[in-house]
Amino acid sequence: MNLVYITLDSLNRHLLPVYGPSWVETPNLERLAARGVVFDGHYSGSLPCMPARREMWTGTEEFWWRWWGPLEPWDRPLAYELGQQGVTSQLITDHYHFFEWGAHSYEYDFTGYDAVRGHEHDNLRTRPVDEPPDWARVLLARRPGDAPIYLRNVQDYRGEEDFFSPRVFRRAAEWLREDRPQGPWYLHVDAFDPHEPFHVPEPYRSMYTDDDYRRFSPWPLYGRTDAGSAALDERELAWVRAQYAGKVTMADRWLGRVLDAMDEQGLWEDTVLVLTTDHGHYLGDHGWIGKPPAPIYDTLAHIPLLIAWPGCPAGTRVSALTQTVDLYPTLLEILGAPLPDTGRLHGRSLAPLLRGEADAGRDYAVSGYYGSRVAVRAEGWTLLRSQDPSRAPLYQYTHDLQVLDRSHGARRRRPDAFVVPGLEAGRYIPGLDMPVWRVPEGRDWGPVHADLLFGPDDPAQAHDLAAERPDRVRALEEILAAHAWEIGAPEEIRRRLRIA
């Protein structure tokens, strides 16, 4: 059995016709859904981008122990485990975080990898831009620090073939047609689109709006839409949504190249194809833009998952609760590779659900931002809770002191960069018989917010019932406490969440 594993970053489930009526055109996602199984109850675990990827690649529920970082030396990612079974693996991606300081090593175990460069803050080009194009003038005014990097990278782009998701999916289709080996193989396609900047060419720029693109920035700041530097009025917010939707449609069109290659090469009979995302993206939902560590509403955490597996009934749906962390054991099982006996596997295989065993889902799902917010869902109810920093200090647990770059603002060439009071080494991670660093966290993760509780009859999560239903708050709190205890979450995190 072979594997094609596709991730589109920041793909909003609620805007996809696969999941309900929508004004966004995605015919190729619908084409894939008609061939495979659609998961209706799938949720992110650790947020955002790189924590989610460590979950998907290693089956580790990350947010309890650390923030944004590399694969750890004890991790055994899919490419490694499948490689032990003689599987040739290829990574094709424009997700530049894989290769930057602080989040490296994700490509190490692949037989080959192909990086499409230049997205977002990727330090690719140095040639100055002589005259900023009209679409970028507001962007440069609002983001003078980072927008010039992106603009230098894309200054020669003319048509959609030059843009990122077209290049990623075109290369993936070429690999399927020309470069795949004779033996078993694993192709991992990680597209950064529809992640911001929401810069798209025509026809996508005006596909969902007739407003003047020169008035707005395609790269909004994160935060509240009604206050502060991220504030957007309704007209600009509508335009930003239209640009995001245009990016989704462009990515979908080029995803079709991969599906075409699967058709032409007759690969559906011996290949599993998985398509998912790391998280959604607030586009004014609940008053937020971006993906800041705000309350983890379903806009951010309820995500798409489509799997086409030979032998599964086509065009079916699974309603059971599932999580990002479940994909790792699922794919190892389907491809006939043994699960690593590490004692740190937090996912469960979805293969029984794919086989039609309706009672094989989770009883609850948990999502979280390190140091900040969590969400726990069960029986249609959702509890959103923030950590209370007054109850306990915060640490990261890792082998790699690059985390100091983010947690303390240290730079790797500053003489005192790694002089941090309270830095210790010890055996802190359950099931791992080796010392790791315990790094005191140096950042403020925001104020404590009151609990939010949403019921099964409120899919928009518009009506907080925490004050009216303390019994449900307690029930979900008990589920969260039991889960944290079961996986051996650090005591200080449990104290900060008021479950210890």
Protein backbone atom coordinates (compact mmCIF):
# COMPACT_ATOMS: atom_id res chain seq x y z
CA MET A 1 0.00 0.00 0.00
CA ASN A 2 1.20 3.53 -0.84
CA LEU A 3 0.35 6.87 0.80
CA VAL A 4 -0.35 10.42 -0.39
CA TYR A 5 -0.68 12.71 2.65
CA ILE A 6 -1.83 16.27 1.84
CA THR A 7 -2.03 19.17 4.29
CA LEU A 8 -3.39 22.61 3.39
CA ASP A 9 -2.52 25.08 6.13
CA SER A 10 -5.32 27.11 7.78
CA LEU A 11 -8.13 25.47 5.81
CA ASN A 12 -11.49 26.53 7.25
CA ARG A 13 -13.91 23.61 7.42
CA HIS A 14 -17.01 25.79 7.63
CA LEU A 15 -16.27 27.39 4.23
CA LEU A 16 -16.05 24.08 2.35
CA PRO A 17 -19.08 22.78 0.41
CA VAL A 18 -18.06 19.27 1.52
CA TYR A 19 -19.25 20.28 5.01
CA GLY A 20 -22.35 22.26 4.13
CA PRO A 21 -23.67 25.05 1.92
CA SER A 22 -20.90 27.48 0.98
CA TRP A 23 -20.17 30.24 -1.50
CA VAL A 24 -16.57 29.02 -1.93
CA GLU A 25 -15.88 26.87 -5.00
CA THR A 26 -13.91 23.67 -4.27
CA PRO A 27 -14.86 21.09 -6.93
CA ASN A 28 -11.78 18.95 -6.39
CA LEU A 29 -12.30 18.62 -2.65
CA GLU A 30 -15.84 17.50 -3.49
CA ARG A 31 -14.40 15.10 -6.06
CA LEU A 32 -12.14 13.59 -3.40
CA ALA A 33 -14.99 13.40 -0.88
CA ALA A 34 -17.11 11.46 -3.38
CA ARG A 35 -14.34 8.89 -3.66
CA GLY A 36 -13.49 8.59 0.01
CA VAL A 37 -14.66 9.01 3.60
CA VAL A 38 -15.48 12.41 5.12
CA PHE A 39 -14.91 12.84 8.86
CA ASP A 40 -17.44 15.20 10.43
CA GLY A 41 -16.12 15.22 14.00
CA HIS A 42 -12.40 15.83 13.45
CA TYR A 43 -10.52 18.31 15.70
CA SER A 44 -7.09 19.87 16.03
CA GLY A 45 -5.12 18.97 19.12
CA SER A 46 -1.99 21.08 19.60
CA LEU A 47 -2.06 24.53 17.99
CA PRO A 48 -0.92 26.18 15.79
CA CYS A 49 1.24 25.16 12.76
CA MET A 50 4.31 23.29 14.03
CA PRO A 51 2.72 21.81 17.18
CA ALA A 52 -0.03 20.41 14.94
CA ARG A 53 2.54 18.91 12.59
CA ARG A 54 4.41 17.18 15.36
CA GLU A 55 1.07 15.62 16.35
CA MET A 56 0.34 14.49 12.80
CA TRP A 57 3.84 13.18 12.16
CA THR A 58 4.58 11.48 15.51
CA GLY A 59 1.31 10.88 17.40
CA THR A 60 2.44 13.16 20.26
CA GLU A 61 -0.03 15.49 21.97
CA GLU A 62 2.45 18.33 22.24
CA PHE A 63 0.90 21.37 23.88
CA TRP A 64 1.18 20.03 27.44
CA TRP A 65 5.01 20.05 27.30
CA ARG A 66 6.22 22.67 24.87
CA TRP A 67 5.40 25.34 22.32
CA TRP A 68 6.87 25.59 18.83
CA GLY A 69 9.92 23.49 18.05
CA PRO A 70 11.71 20.77 16.11
CA LEU A 71 11.11 17.07 16.12
CA GLU A 72 12.72 15.65 19.24
CA PRO A 73 15.49 13.04 18.93
CA TRP A 74 13.24 10.38 20.46
CA ASP A 75 10.41 11.03 17.97
CA ARG A 76 9.79 8.37 15.36
CA PRO A 77 7.90 10.18 12.59
CA LEU A 78 5.99 8.52 9.80
CA ALA A 79 8.84 8.86 7.31
CA TYR A 80 11.20 7.09 9.71
CA GLU A 81 8.83 4.26 10.65
CA LEU A 82 7.77 3.64 7.07
CA GLY A 83 11.38 3.82 5.95
CA GLN A 84 12.15 0.95 8.32
CA GLN A 85 9.64 -1.07 6.26
CA GLY A 86 11.36 -0.24 2.97
CA VAL A 87 9.04 2.62 1.96
CA THR A 88 10.54 5.40 -0.17
CA SER A 89 9.34 8.82 1.02
CA GLN A 90 9.21 12.25 -0.59
CA LEU A 91 8.29 15.61 0.99
CA ILE A 92 7.10 18.44 -1.27
CA THR A 93 6.33 21.66 0.57
CA ASP A 94 6.40 25.45 0.64
CA HIS A 95 5.96 25.41 4.43
CA TYR A 96 9.22 27.20 5.20
CA HIS A 97 8.88 26.72 8.97
CA PHE A 98 10.20 23.17 8.45
CA PHE A 99 13.63 24.56 7.63
CA GLU A 100 14.01 27.64 9.83
CA TRP A 101 15.70 28.19 13.18
CA GLY A 102 13.58 26.77 15.99
CA ALA A 103 11.55 24.25 13.97
CA HIS A 104 14.06 22.23 12.03
CA SER A 105 14.52 18.46 11.45
CA TYR A 106 11.12 17.64 10.00
CA GLU A 107 12.61 16.72 6.63
CA TYR A 108 15.46 14.56 7.99
CA ASP A 109 13.86 11.13 7.64
CA PHE A 110 12.48 11.54 4.11
CA THR A 111 14.28 9.80 1.27
CA GLY A 112 13.98 13.08 -0.64
CA TYR A 113 12.48 16.51 -0.13
CA ASP A 114 11.64 19.43 -2.40
CA ALA A 115 11.19 22.93 -0.98
CA VAL A 116 9.22 25.58 -2.87
CA ARG A 117 10.66 28.77 -1.44
CA GLY A 118 9.43 32.26 -0.69
CA HIS A 119 6.17 32.14 1.26
CA GLU A 120 5.35 34.60 4.05
CA HIS A 121 8.60 35.42 5.98
CA ASP A 122 10.87 33.01 4.10
CA ASN A 123 14.30 34.67 3.75
CA LEU A 124 14.74 33.89 0.06
CA ARG A 125 15.56 37.01 -1.98
CA THR A 126 17.53 40.18 -1.32
CA ARG A 127 16.95 42.11 -4.54
CA PRO A 128 15.17 45.36 -3.68
CA VAL A 129 11.77 46.19 -5.12
CA ASP A 130 12.09 49.35 -7.20
CA GLU A 131 8.44 50.35 -7.22
CA PRO A 132 5.89 48.54 -5.00
CA PRO A 133 2.90 47.28 -7.00
CA ASP A 134 -0.47 48.84 -6.30
CA TRP A 135 -1.76 45.74 -4.45
CA ALA A 136 1.08 46.02 -1.89
CA ARG A 137 1.04 49.68 -0.87
CA VAL A 138 -1.41 49.35 2.01
CA LEU A 139 0.31 46.11 3.03
CA LEU A 140 3.71 47.84 3.26
CA ALA A 141 2.23 50.71 5.27
CA ARG A 142 0.68 48.37 7.83
CA ARG A 143 3.47 45.77 8.02
CA PRO A 144 6.70 47.67 7.35
CA GLY A 145 8.77 45.08 9.22
CA ASP A 146 7.89 41.81 7.49
CA ALA A 147 5.96 42.67 4.31
CA PRO A 148 9.13 43.66 2.40
CA ILE A 149 10.42 40.08 2.75
CA TYR A 150 7.36 38.68 1.04
CA LEU A 151 7.30 41.40 -1.59
CA ARG A 152 10.94 40.77 -2.54
CA ASN A 153 10.14 37.07 -2.94
CA VAL A 154 7.13 37.52 -5.24
CA GLN A 155 8.21 40.61 -7.20
CA ASP A 156 8.54 38.65 -10.45
CA TYR A 157 5.25 36.73 -10.16
CA ARG A 158 2.98 37.32 -13.13
CA GLY A 159 0.41 34.49 -13.46
CA GLU A 160 -1.07 31.92 -11.11
CA GLU A 161 1.50 29.30 -12.20
CA ASP A 162 4.10 31.35 -10.30
CA PHE A 163 2.20 31.22 -7.00
CA PHE A 164 2.80 28.78 -4.19
CA SER A 165 0.03 26.17 -4.13
CA PRO A 166 0.14 25.84 -7.95
CA ARG A 167 3.87 25.13 -7.77
CA VAL A 168 3.53 22.67 -4.88
CA PHE A 169 0.70 20.66 -6.42
CA ARG A 170 2.21 20.77 -9.92
CA ARG A 171 5.43 19.31 -8.50
CA ALA A 172 3.46 16.64 -6.60
CA ALA A 173 1.64 15.60 -9.78
CA GLU A 174 4.98 15.41 -11.61
CA TRP A 175 6.39 13.19 -8.86
CA LEU A 176 3.46 10.81 -9.16
CA ARG A 177 3.86 10.62 -12.92
CA GLU A 178 7.63 10.61 -13.29
CA ASP A 179 9.55 10.11 -10.03
CA ARG A 180 7.72 7.62 -7.85
CA PRO A 181 9.63 4.35 -7.29
CA GLN A 182 8.56 0.83 -8.17
CA GLY A 183 8.31 -0.30 -4.56
CA PRO A 184 6.05 1.09 -1.81
CA TRP A 185 6.15 4.88 -1.45
CA TYR A 186 4.91 7.75 0.68
CA LEU A 187 4.37 11.25 -0.78
CA HIS A 188 3.84 14.03 1.76
CA VAL A 189 2.50 17.28 0.28
CA ASP A 190 2.40 20.16 2.76
CA ALA A 191 0.98 23.30 1.11
CA PHE A 192 1.17 26.54 3.10
CA ASP A 193 -1.89 27.93 1.29
CA PRO A 194 -4.48 29.13 2.15
CA HIS A 195 -2.32 30.58 4.95
CA GLU A 196 -1.79 34.32 4.83
CA PRO A 197 -0.71 36.52 3.09
CA PHE A 198 -3.99 36.23 1.18
CA HIS A 199 -2.31 37.48 -1.98
CA VAL A 200 -3.79 35.88 -5.08
CA PRO A 201 -3.73 36.70 -8.80
CA GLU A 202 -6.71 37.10 -11.06
CA PRO A 203 -9.23 35.59 -11.52
CA TYR A 204 -9.18 34.66 -7.82
CA ARG A 205 -8.64 38.20 -6.49
CA SER A 206 -12.00 39.38 -7.83
CA MET A 207 -13.81 36.02 -7.85
CA TYR A 208 -15.72 36.72 -4.62
CA THR A 209 -15.67 40.54 -4.48
CA ASP A 210 -15.89 43.57 -6.75
CA ASP A 211 -14.27 45.93 -4.23
CA ASP A 212 -11.09 47.87 -5.03
CA TYR A 213 -8.12 45.74 -3.97
CA ARG A 214 -5.88 48.84 -3.72
CA ARG A 215 -7.73 49.99 -0.61
CA PHE A 216 -6.79 47.00 1.57
CA SER A 217 -4.00 44.76 2.82
CA PRO A 218 -4.07 41.03 1.99
CA TRP A 219 -2.13 40.29 5.17
CA PRO A 220 -4.10 41.44 8.23
CA LEU A 221 -2.59 41.55 11.69
CA TYR A 222 -3.74 39.07 14.35
CA GLY A 223 -6.06 40.16 17.13
CA ARG A 224 -9.49 41.64 17.73
CA THR A 225 -11.27 43.03 14.70
CA ASP A 226 -13.02 45.68 16.80
CA ALA A 227 -10.02 47.25 18.56
CA GLY A 228 -6.29 47.82 18.42
CA SER A 229 -3.85 47.39 15.55
CA ALA A 230 -5.78 44.43 14.06
CA ALA A 231 -9.07 46.31 13.81
CA LEU A 232 -10.94 45.98 10.49
CA ASP A 233 -14.21 47.53 9.44
CA GLU A 234 -16.87 45.34 7.84
CA ARG A 235 -15.98 46.37 4.30
CA GLU A 236 -12.32 45.44 4.65
CA LEU A 237 -13.16 42.27 6.55
CA ALA A 238 -15.46 41.18 3.72
CA TRP A 239 -12.65 41.82 1.23
CA VAL A 240 -10.17 39.80 3.33
CA ARG A 241 -12.65 36.89 3.45
CA ALA A 242 -12.95 37.09 -0.33
CA GLN A 243 -9.17 36.91 -0.76
CA TYR A 244 -8.96 33.94 1.59
CA ALA A 245 -11.73 32.23 -0.38
CA GLY A 246 -9.88 32.98 -3.62
CA LYS A 247 -6.80 31.27 -2.20
CA VAL A 248 -8.85 28.22 -1.24
CA THR A 249 -10.28 27.99 -4.75
CA MET A 250 -6.86 28.41 -6.36
CA ALA A 251 -5.38 25.67 -4.18
CA ASP A 252 -8.35 23.44 -4.97
CA ARG A 253 -7.87 23.93 -8.70
CA TRP A 254 -4.24 22.80 -8.52
CA LEU A 255 -5.05 19.98 -6.12
CA GLY A 256 -6.99 18.69 -9.12
CA ARG A 257 -3.65 18.11 -10.87
CA VAL A 258 -2.75 15.58 -8.17
CA LEU A 259 -6.12 13.84 -8.43
CA ASP A 260 -5.73 13.75 -12.21
CA ALA A 261 -2.34 12.07 -11.82
CA MET A 262 -3.87 9.52 -9.47
CA ASP A 263 -6.52 8.78 -12.11
CA GLU A 264 -4.11 8.59 -15.03
CA GLN A 265 -1.61 6.37 -13.24
CA GLY A 266 -4.26 4.02 -11.83
CA LEU A 267 -3.09 4.63 -8.26
CA TRP A 268 -6.38 4.52 -6.36
CA GLU A 269 -6.34 0.71 -6.08
CA ASP A 270 -3.17 0.56 -3.96
CA THR A 271 -2.87 4.06 -2.48
CA VAL A 272 -4.31 5.77 0.59
CA LEU A 273 -4.91 9.52 0.13
CA VAL A 274 -5.38 11.69 3.22
CA LEU A 275 -6.26 15.40 3.08
CA THR A 276 -6.52 17.57 6.17
CA THR A 277 -5.26 20.78 7.80
CA ASP A 278 -3.55 21.88 10.99
CA HIS A 279 -6.25 24.36 12.08
CA GLY A 280 -8.72 26.90 10.77
CA HIS A 281 -8.36 30.68 10.64
CA TYR A 282 -10.49 33.41 12.21
CA LEU A 283 -11.83 35.82 9.58
CA GLY A 284 -13.88 37.98 11.90
CA ASP A 285 -15.47 34.96 13.59
CA HIS A 286 -16.20 35.71 17.27
CA GLY A 287 -14.51 39.09 16.76
CA TRP A 288 -11.04 37.68 15.94
CA ILE A 289 -8.71 37.71 12.95
CA GLY A 290 -5.87 35.21 12.47
CA LYS A 291 -5.05 32.50 14.98
CA PRO A 292 -3.91 34.20 18.17
CA PRO A 293 -4.09 32.19 21.42
CA ALA A 294 -7.68 33.32 21.90
CA PRO A 295 -10.52 31.01 22.99
CA ILE A 296 -10.32 27.88 20.84
CA TYR A 297 -13.68 28.09 19.14
CA ASP A 298 -14.67 25.48 16.58
CA THR A 299 -13.77 27.95 13.83
CA LEU A 300 -10.17 27.20 14.68
CA ALA A 301 -10.30 23.63 16.00
CA HIS A 302 -13.04 21.80 14.06
CA ILE A 303 -11.16 20.86 10.91
CA PRO A 304 -11.63 18.88 7.68
CA LEU A 305 -10.39 15.32 7.20
CA LEU A 306 -10.93 13.29 4.02
CA ILE A 307 -9.49 9.81 3.52
CA ALA A 308 -9.70 7.67 0.38
CA TRP A 309 -8.69 4.09 1.22
CA PRO A 310 -9.08 1.18 -1.23
CA GLY A 311 -11.94 -1.01 -0.11
CA CYS A 312 -13.78 1.65 1.90
CA PRO A 313 -17.28 2.57 0.78
CA ALA A 314 -16.99 5.71 -1.36
CA GLY A 315 -18.89 8.86 -0.45
CA THR A 316 -19.48 7.90 3.20
CA ARG A 317 -19.24 10.01 6.33
CA VAL A 318 -18.00 9.35 9.86
CA SER A 319 -19.54 11.33 12.71
CA ALA A 320 -17.33 10.02 15.52
CA LEU A 321 -14.96 12.31 17.42
CA THR A 322 -11.38 12.11 16.11
CA GLN A 323 -8.23 14.20 16.53
CA THR A 324 -5.10 15.22 14.63
CA VAL A 325 -2.98 12.96 16.81
CA ASP A 326 -4.93 9.91 15.57
CA LEU A 327 -3.58 10.11 12.03
CA TYR A 328 -0.15 8.73 12.96
CA PRO A 329 -1.30 5.32 14.28
CA THR A 330 -3.98 5.15 11.58
CA LEU A 331 -1.53 5.40 8.72
CA LEU A 332 1.01 3.05 10.28
CA GLU A 333 -1.73 0.44 10.68
CA ILE A 334 -3.11 0.87 7.17
CA LEU A 335 0.35 0.63 5.64
CA GLY A 336 1.24 -2.44 7.70
CA ALA A 337 3.93 -0.87 9.88
CA PRO A 338 4.09 -1.70 13.62
CA LEU A 339 3.31 0.98 16.16
CA PRO A 340 6.44 2.06 18.05
CA ASP A 341 6.44 0.81 21.64
CA THR A 342 7.49 4.08 23.26
CA GLY A 343 4.83 4.57 25.93
CA ARG A 344 4.22 8.06 24.51
CA LEU A 345 1.73 7.35 21.73
CA HIS A 346 -1.31 9.55 22.35
CA GLY A 347 -3.36 8.80 19.23
CA ARG A 348 -5.67 5.93 18.35
CA SER A 349 -6.15 4.35 14.95
CA LEU A 350 -9.08 5.43 12.81
CA ALA A 351 -8.90 2.23 10.77
CA PRO A 352 -11.88 0.69 12.62
CA LEU A 353 -13.96 3.76 11.72
CA LEU A 354 -12.89 3.44 8.09
CA ARG A 355 -14.02 -0.18 8.23
CA GLY A 356 -17.44 0.94 9.45
CA GLU A 357 -17.16 0.20 13.19
CA ALA A 358 -19.32 3.05 14.41
CA ASP A 359 -18.43 2.71 18.11
CA ALA A 360 -14.67 3.12 17.56
CA GLY A 361 -14.43 6.90 18.02
CA ARG A 362 -13.28 8.95 20.99
CA ASP A 363 -15.50 9.85 23.92
CA TYR A 364 -14.02 13.35 24.02
CA ALA A 365 -11.57 15.62 22.16
CA VAL A 366 -9.03 18.07 23.59
CA SER A 367 -7.34 21.04 21.88
CA GLY A 368 -4.79 23.42 23.32
CA TYR A 369 -2.30 26.23 22.94
CA TYR A 370 0.81 25.75 25.05
CA GLY A 371 0.69 28.00 28.11
CA SER A 372 -2.64 29.55 27.20
CA ARG A 373 -6.00 28.05 26.18
CA VAL A 374 -7.62 24.64 26.06
CA ALA A 375 -10.89 23.27 24.76
CA VAL A 376 -12.52 19.99 25.75
CA ARG A 377 -15.52 18.52 23.91
CA ALA A 378 -17.83 15.64 24.83
CA GLU A 379 -21.45 14.71 24.08
CA GLY A 380 -21.88 17.84 21.96
CA TRP A 381 -20.75 20.18 24.75
CA THR A 382 -17.61 22.32 24.62
CA LEU A 383 -15.72 23.94 27.51
CA LEU A 384 -13.17 26.67 26.70
CA ARG A 385 -10.74 27.45 29.52
CA SER A 386 -7.64 29.61 29.88
CA GLN A 387 -4.65 28.85 32.08
CA ASP A 388 -4.16 30.90 35.23
CA PRO A 389 -0.48 31.95 35.51
CA SER A 390 -0.91 32.94 39.16
CA ARG A 391 -1.35 29.29 40.14
CA ALA A 392 2.00 27.94 38.92
CA PRO A 393 5.05 28.83 36.83
CA LEU A 394 5.31 27.63 33.24
CA TYR A 395 8.04 25.48 31.64
CA GLN A 396 8.90 23.91 28.32
CA TYR A 397 10.34 20.39 28.16
CA THR A 398 12.70 19.69 25.26
CA HIS A 399 16.17 18.52 24.25
CA ASP A 400 16.71 21.62 22.09
CA LEU A 401 17.57 24.97 23.64
CA GLN A 402 16.50 26.75 20.49
CA VAL A 403 13.20 27.15 22.34
CA LEU A 404 14.95 29.94 24.25
CA ASP A 405 14.77 31.98 21.06
CA ARG A 406 11.03 32.19 21.47
CA SER A 407 10.49 31.88 25.21
CA HIS A 408 13.17 34.40 26.28
CA GLY A 409 14.01 36.37 23.15
CA ALA A 410 17.53 34.92 23.20
CA ARG A 411 19.59 35.00 20.03
CA ARG A 412 22.01 32.22 19.30
CA ARG A 413 25.04 34.47 18.92
CA ARG A 414 24.53 36.63 21.98
CA PRO A 415 27.07 35.68 24.69
CA ASP A 416 24.47 35.40 27.46
CA ALA A 417 21.79 33.84 25.25
CA PHE A 418 21.53 30.63 27.26
CA VAL A 419 21.95 32.08 30.75
CA VAL A 420 18.44 31.55 32.08
CA PRO A 421 17.75 31.32 35.84
CA GLY A 422 15.99 28.08 36.71
CA LEU A 423 17.13 26.14 33.63
CA GLU A 424 17.41 22.49 34.68
CA ALA A 425 17.80 19.02 33.19
CA GLY A 426 15.95 15.93 34.39
CA ARG A 427 13.66 13.04 33.50
CA TYR A 428 10.47 15.02 33.12
CA ILE A 429 8.62 13.33 30.25
CA PRO A 430 6.62 10.15 31.00
CA GLY A 431 7.94 7.07 29.24
CA LEU A 432 11.22 8.74 28.28
CA ASP A 433 14.24 7.40 30.15
CA MET A 434 16.57 10.28 29.35
CA PRO A 435 17.04 13.80 30.68
CA VAL A 436 15.58 16.80 28.90
CA TRP A 437 15.78 20.51 29.56
CA ARG A 438 13.12 22.14 31.68
CA VAL A 439 13.06 25.70 30.37
CA PRO A 440 11.32 28.42 32.39
CA GLU A 441 8.91 30.25 30.14
CA GLY A 442 9.67 33.94 29.79
CA ARG A 443 6.56 35.16 27.97
CA ASP A 444 3.21 36.46 29.14
CA TRP A 445 0.48 34.37 27.52
CA GLY A 446 -2.28 36.83 28.21
CA PRO A 447 -4.92 37.42 30.87
CA VAL A 448 -7.13 34.81 32.48
CA HIS A 449 -10.59 34.65 30.96
CA ALA A 450 -13.73 33.18 32.41
CA ASP A 451 -14.85 29.76 31.22
CA LEU A 452 -17.04 29.57 28.15
CA LEU A 453 -19.50 26.70 27.72
CA PHE A 454 -21.44 25.89 24.56
CA GLY A 455 -24.16 23.31 24.13
CA PRO A 456 -25.03 20.84 21.38
CA ASP A 457 -27.80 23.08 20.02
CA ASP A 458 -25.39 25.97 19.42
CA PRO A 459 -23.04 25.04 16.55
CA ALA A 460 -22.12 28.70 16.04
CA GLN A 461 -20.98 28.85 19.69
CA ALA A 462 -22.78 32.14 20.22
CA HIS A 463 -24.40 31.54 23.63
CA ASP A 464 -22.24 30.99 26.70
CA LEU A 465 -23.95 28.68 29.21
CA ALA A 466 -21.16 28.45 31.81
CA ALA A 467 -23.12 30.34 34.48
CA GLU A 468 -26.33 28.43 33.77
CA ARG A 469 -24.87 24.92 33.60
CA PRO A 470 -22.14 24.50 36.24
CA ASP A 471 -22.85 20.77 36.17
CA ARG A 472 -21.66 20.58 32.57
CA VAL A 473 -18.63 22.69 33.36
CA ARG A 474 -17.70 20.26 36.13
CA ALA A 475 -18.28 17.22 33.93
CA LEU A 476 -16.01 18.54 31.19
CA GLU A 477 -13.48 19.69 33.76
CA GLU A 478 -13.35 16.15 35.14
CA ILE A 479 -12.79 14.75 31.63
CA LEU A 480 -9.93 17.20 31.10
CA ALA A 481 -8.40 16.33 34.46
CA ALA A 482 -8.58 12.59 33.79
CA HIS A 483 -7.03 13.03 30.34
CA ALA A 484 -4.18 15.18 31.63
CA TRP A 485 -3.46 12.64 34.37
CA GLU A 486 -3.58 9.73 31.94
CA ILE A 487 -0.97 11.18 29.59
CA GLY A 488 1.23 12.41 32.45
CA ALA A 489 0.87 16.14 31.76
CA PRO A 490 3.12 18.35 33.92
CA GLU A 491 1.64 19.15 37.30
CA GLU A 492 2.05 22.90 36.83
CA ILE A 493 -0.12 22.80 33.70
CA ARG A 494 -2.84 20.93 35.57
CA ARG A 495 -2.66 23.51 38.37
CA ARG A 496 -2.81 26.37 35.91
CA LEU A 497 -5.94 24.80 34.37
CA ARG A 498 -7.51 24.29 37.84
CA ILE A 499 -7.68 20.52 37.42
CA ALA A 500 -5.09 19.56 40.05
